Amino acid sequence: MFLNPDCCARPPRRLRRAGLLTSVALVMLTAGCASSVGQGGSATVHPAATPALPASSVLCQPTPPVAHTAPQTSEPVLSLLVYAERVRRMQPAEWSQEVTRLGDAASPTDQVQLALVLSQFRQLPEYQRAQDLLGRVLANPSAQALHPLVGQLAYRLGEQRRLEDLLDKQNQQTRELQRRLDQTTDRLEALKAIERSLTSRPPQTPASNSRGNHTPAP
């Protein structure tokens, strides 16, 4: 059996077309890398001077990763965080001293500090005053560095006030139920006392029977 010399000399048409498409793709990819290097100021490489390489060996220069820097905490915010921790460890008598020391709290930092102290009393008037102070800081354009922290404080203070109001309502309902229970217990004890008094009395003889059995003396 003899082989056809044409089939050994020339590859099939399908293989030739695949090889042509691969070459064109390599040339276009190499041209793209060369143009990107040329725009950056380096020497431009012409596609004609670049030899045909396998697809796995043609690599473009990777883009350097973008460095993400963590936001830095400003000095006023850091000092307020330290002060909040110190206030949390104070005794109630020290809270009153801090309120007296801060006074009217003219500066935004003093206003935030006074709000932190007032929130420790857990009373409705103090909550209202602390929220007013935080609102003044948020409305002050010169205190924009404190606005993220003050916004969080105002939200937490509002949630704390809402929970305190809910707890007060539940305590009032509990006291009202206890009062009604005590009244019901007192009435029940009174009824029991009346029942005991009725059952402890001796039976009385009817007056009619005593008159009928009486025999007059001769």
Protein backbone atom coordinates (compact mmCIF):
# COMPACT_ATOMS: atom_id res chain seq x y z
CA MET A 1 0.00 0.00 0.00
CA PHE A 2 1.49 3.37 -1.10
CA LEU A 3 0.97 6.70 0.67
CA ASN A 4 -0.08 9.76 -1.19
CA PRO A 5 2.90 12.18 -1.17
CA ASP A 6 0.54 15.21 -1.15
CA CYS A 7 -0.92 14.33 2.25
CA CYS A 8 2.54 14.18 3.83
CA ALA A 9 3.84 17.33 2.18
CA ARG A 10 0.91 19.68 2.98
CA PRO A 11 -1.17 19.75 6.18
CA PRO A 12 -4.92 19.59 5.83
CA ARG A 13 -6.84 22.77 5.16
CA ARG A 14 -8.46 22.78 8.63
CA LEU A 15 -5.05 22.69 10.36
CA ARG A 16 -3.70 25.45 8.14
CA ARG A 17 -6.67 27.68 9.01
CA ALA A 18 -6.22 27.06 12.77
CA GLY A 19 -2.53 27.87 12.54
CA LEU A 20 -3.25 31.08 10.65
CA LEU A 21 -5.80 32.22 13.25
CA THR A 22 -3.36 31.48 16.07
CA SER A 23 -0.64 33.54 14.37
CA VAL A 24 -3.00 36.47 13.84
CA ALA A 25 -4.09 36.34 17.50
CA LEU A 26 -0.48 36.32 18.69
CA VAL A 27 0.40 39.28 16.50
CA MET A 28 -2.59 41.29 17.76
CA LEU A 29 -1.80 40.48 21.41
CA THR A 30 1.85 41.42 20.92
CA ALA A 31 0.84 44.65 19.22
CA GLY A 32 -1.41 45.56 22.14
CA CYS A 33 1.38 45.03 24.67
CA ALA A 34 3.83 47.00 22.54
CA SER A 35 1.42 49.94 22.13
CA SER A 36 0.79 50.08 25.88
CA VAL A 37 4.54 50.19 26.54
CA GLY A 38 4.98 52.88 23.86
CA GLN A 39 2.39 55.15 25.48
CA GLY A 40 4.27 54.92 28.81
CA GLY A 41 7.41 56.44 27.28
CA SER A 42 9.44 53.27 26.51
CA ALA A 43 10.67 52.12 23.13
CA THR A 44 7.87 50.87 20.83
CA VAL A 45 8.24 47.34 19.51
CA HIS A 46 6.85 46.82 15.99
CA PRO A 47 4.78 43.71 15.43
CA ALA A 48 6.85 42.75 12.38
CA ALA A 49 10.05 42.51 14.45
CA THR A 50 8.47 40.31 17.10
CA PRO A 51 8.87 36.59 16.46
CA ALA A 52 5.89 34.31 16.76
CA LEU A 53 5.81 32.78 20.24
CA PRO A 54 3.44 30.35 21.92
CA ALA A 55 0.37 31.89 23.52
CA SER A 56 1.49 30.86 27.02
CA SER A 57 4.75 32.83 26.74
CA VAL A 58 3.19 36.15 25.64
CA LEU A 59 2.59 38.14 28.81
CA CYS A 60 1.75 41.80 29.32
CA GLN A 61 3.24 43.76 32.15
CA PRO A 62 0.84 43.48 35.12
CA THR A 63 -0.75 46.60 36.58
CA PRO A 64 0.69 47.42 40.02
CA PRO A 65 -1.86 46.95 42.83
CA VAL A 66 -3.49 50.01 44.33
CA ALA A 67 -2.39 50.58 47.90
CA HIS A 68 -5.33 50.98 50.31
CA THR A 69 -4.46 53.15 53.25
CA ALA A 70 -6.49 52.81 56.45
CA PRO A 71 -8.22 56.00 57.61
CA GLN A 72 -6.36 57.65 60.42
CA THR A 73 -8.20 58.70 63.55
CA SER A 74 -7.93 62.40 64.27
CA GLU A 75 -6.64 63.61 67.60
CA PRO A 76 -10.00 65.08 68.87
CA VAL A 77 -11.84 61.85 68.07
CA LEU A 78 -9.20 59.76 69.83
CA SER A 79 -9.29 62.00 72.90
CA LEU A 80 -13.10 61.72 73.05
CA LEU A 81 -12.92 57.93 72.89
CA VAL A 82 -10.46 57.91 75.77
CA TYR A 83 -12.71 60.30 77.73
CA ALA A 84 -15.78 58.10 77.10
CA GLU A 85 -13.99 55.10 78.58
CA ARG A 86 -12.95 57.18 81.60
CA VAL A 87 -16.52 58.39 82.15
CA ARG A 88 -17.81 54.83 82.00
CA ARG A 89 -15.58 53.92 84.95
CA MET A 90 -16.62 56.91 87.10
CA GLN A 91 -18.89 56.87 90.13
CA PRO A 92 -22.19 58.84 90.17
CA ALA A 93 -20.62 61.51 92.40
CA GLU A 94 -17.86 62.04 89.85
CA TRP A 95 -20.45 62.48 87.08
CA SER A 96 -21.94 65.41 88.96
CA GLN A 97 -18.48 66.92 89.36
CA GLU A 98 -17.84 66.59 85.63
CA VAL A 99 -21.13 68.30 84.81
CA THR A 100 -20.16 71.18 87.08
CA ARG A 101 -16.66 71.39 85.60
CA LEU A 102 -17.84 71.46 81.97
CA GLY A 103 -20.47 74.11 82.70
CA ASP A 104 -22.10 75.55 79.57
CA ALA A 105 -19.76 73.56 77.24
CA ALA A 106 -19.05 76.23 74.63
CA SER A 107 -16.67 74.23 72.39
CA PRO A 108 -17.79 71.18 70.37
CA THR A 109 -15.40 68.92 72.29
CA ASP A 110 -16.82 70.05 75.62
CA GLN A 111 -20.35 69.57 74.31
CA VAL A 112 -19.64 65.97 73.34
CA GLN A 113 -17.98 65.33 76.71
CA LEU A 114 -20.96 66.78 78.57
CA ALA A 115 -23.33 64.64 76.49
CA LEU A 116 -21.31 61.54 77.40
CA VAL A 117 -21.56 62.38 81.11
CA LEU A 118 -25.28 63.18 81.00
CA SER A 119 -26.06 59.90 79.27
CA GLN A 120 -24.74 58.02 82.31
CA PHE A 121 -27.53 59.29 84.59
CA ARG A 122 -30.17 57.35 82.60
CA GLN A 123 -32.86 59.95 83.25
CA LEU A 124 -35.21 61.52 80.73
CA PRO A 125 -34.16 65.20 81.29
CA GLU A 126 -30.47 64.28 81.00
CA TYR A 127 -31.14 62.27 77.85
CA GLN A 128 -32.93 65.22 76.30
CA ARG A 129 -30.12 67.62 77.17
CA ALA A 130 -27.46 65.24 75.81
CA GLN A 131 -29.32 64.88 72.52
CA ASP A 132 -29.60 68.67 72.22
CA LEU A 133 -25.83 69.01 72.74
CA LEU A 134 -25.05 66.40 70.08
CA GLY A 135 -27.45 68.11 67.69
CA ARG A 136 -25.58 71.40 68.16
CA VAL A 137 -22.29 69.68 67.30
CA LEU A 138 -23.77 68.12 64.16
CA ALA A 139 -25.08 71.51 63.06
CA ASN A 140 -21.68 73.14 63.57
CA PRO A 141 -19.72 73.17 60.25
CA SER A 142 -16.42 73.77 62.04
CA ALA A 143 -16.75 70.41 63.83
CA GLN A 144 -16.93 68.21 60.74
CA ALA A 145 -14.08 66.05 62.02
CA LEU A 146 -16.31 65.00 64.91
CA HIS A 147 -19.48 64.40 62.89
CA PRO A 148 -18.99 60.64 62.25
CA LEU A 149 -18.41 59.95 65.93
CA VAL A 150 -21.16 62.30 67.09
CA GLY A 151 -23.62 60.73 64.63
CA GLN A 152 -22.97 57.31 66.11
CA LEU A 153 -23.31 58.67 69.64
CA ALA A 154 -26.62 60.35 68.81
CA TYR A 155 -27.97 57.11 67.32
CA ARG A 156 -26.87 55.03 70.32
CA LEU A 157 -28.30 57.59 72.71
CA GLY A 158 -31.65 57.53 70.93
CA GLU A 159 -31.76 53.73 71.09
CA GLN A 160 -30.82 53.78 74.78
CA ARG A 161 -33.52 56.33 75.51
CA ARG A 162 -36.10 54.24 73.66
CA LEU A 163 -35.17 51.15 75.67
CA GLU A 164 -35.29 53.09 78.92
CA ASP A 165 -38.79 54.36 78.06
CA LEU A 166 -39.92 50.84 77.26
CA LEU A 167 -38.50 49.57 80.55
CA ASP A 168 -40.30 52.33 82.48
CA LYS A 169 -43.60 51.40 80.85
CA GLN A 170 -43.11 47.76 81.72
CA ASN A 171 -42.29 48.66 85.32
CA GLN A 172 -45.43 50.78 85.55
CA GLN A 173 -47.54 47.92 84.21
CA THR A 174 -45.94 45.55 86.72
CA ARG A 175 -46.66 47.92 89.60
CA GLU A 176 -50.27 48.31 88.47
CA LEU A 177 -50.75 44.55 88.26
CA GLN A 178 -49.22 44.13 91.72
CA ARG A 179 -51.59 46.76 93.14
CA ARG A 180 -54.62 45.00 91.68
CA LEU A 181 -53.38 41.68 92.97
CA ASP A 182 -52.99 43.12 96.47
CA GLN A 183 -56.53 44.53 96.35
CA THR A 184 -57.93 41.19 95.24
CA THR A 185 -56.04 39.42 98.03
CA ASP A 186 -57.39 41.85 100.64
CA ARG A 187 -60.97 41.34 99.47
CA LEU A 188 -60.55 37.59 99.52
CA GLU A 189 -59.20 37.70 103.07
CA ALA A 190 -62.16 39.86 104.11
CA LEU A 191 -64.62 37.35 102.66
CA LYS A 192 -62.84 34.52 104.46
CA ALA A 193 -63.07 36.42 107.74
CA ILE A 194 -66.82 36.93 107.28
CA GLU A 195 -67.26 33.23 106.50
CA ARG A 196 -65.33 32.22 109.63
CA SER A 197 -67.40 34.56 111.78
CA LEU A 198 -70.63 33.06 110.48
CA THR A 199 -69.59 29.46 111.01
CA SER A 200 -68.25 30.11 114.53
CA ARG A 201 -71.59 31.38 115.95
CA PRO A 202 -73.71 28.81 117.97
CA PRO A 203 -77.15 27.92 116.55
CA GLN A 204 -80.00 29.94 118.10
CA THR A 205 -83.31 28.37 119.34
CA PRO A 206 -86.37 29.84 117.63
CA ALA A 207 -88.48 32.07 119.87
CA SER A 208 -91.76 30.35 118.91
CA ASN A 209 -90.63 26.94 120.19
CA SER A 210 -89.53 28.40 123.53
CA ARG A 211 -92.94 29.99 124.11
CA GLY A 212 -94.89 26.83 123.19
CA ASN A 213 -93.00 24.54 125.53
CA HIS A 214 -93.31 26.93 128.52
CA THR A 215 -95.73 25.57 131.25
CA PRO A 216 -97.21 28.26 133.48
CA ALA A 217 -96.82 27.76 137.18
CA PRO A 218 -100.01 26.94 139.27
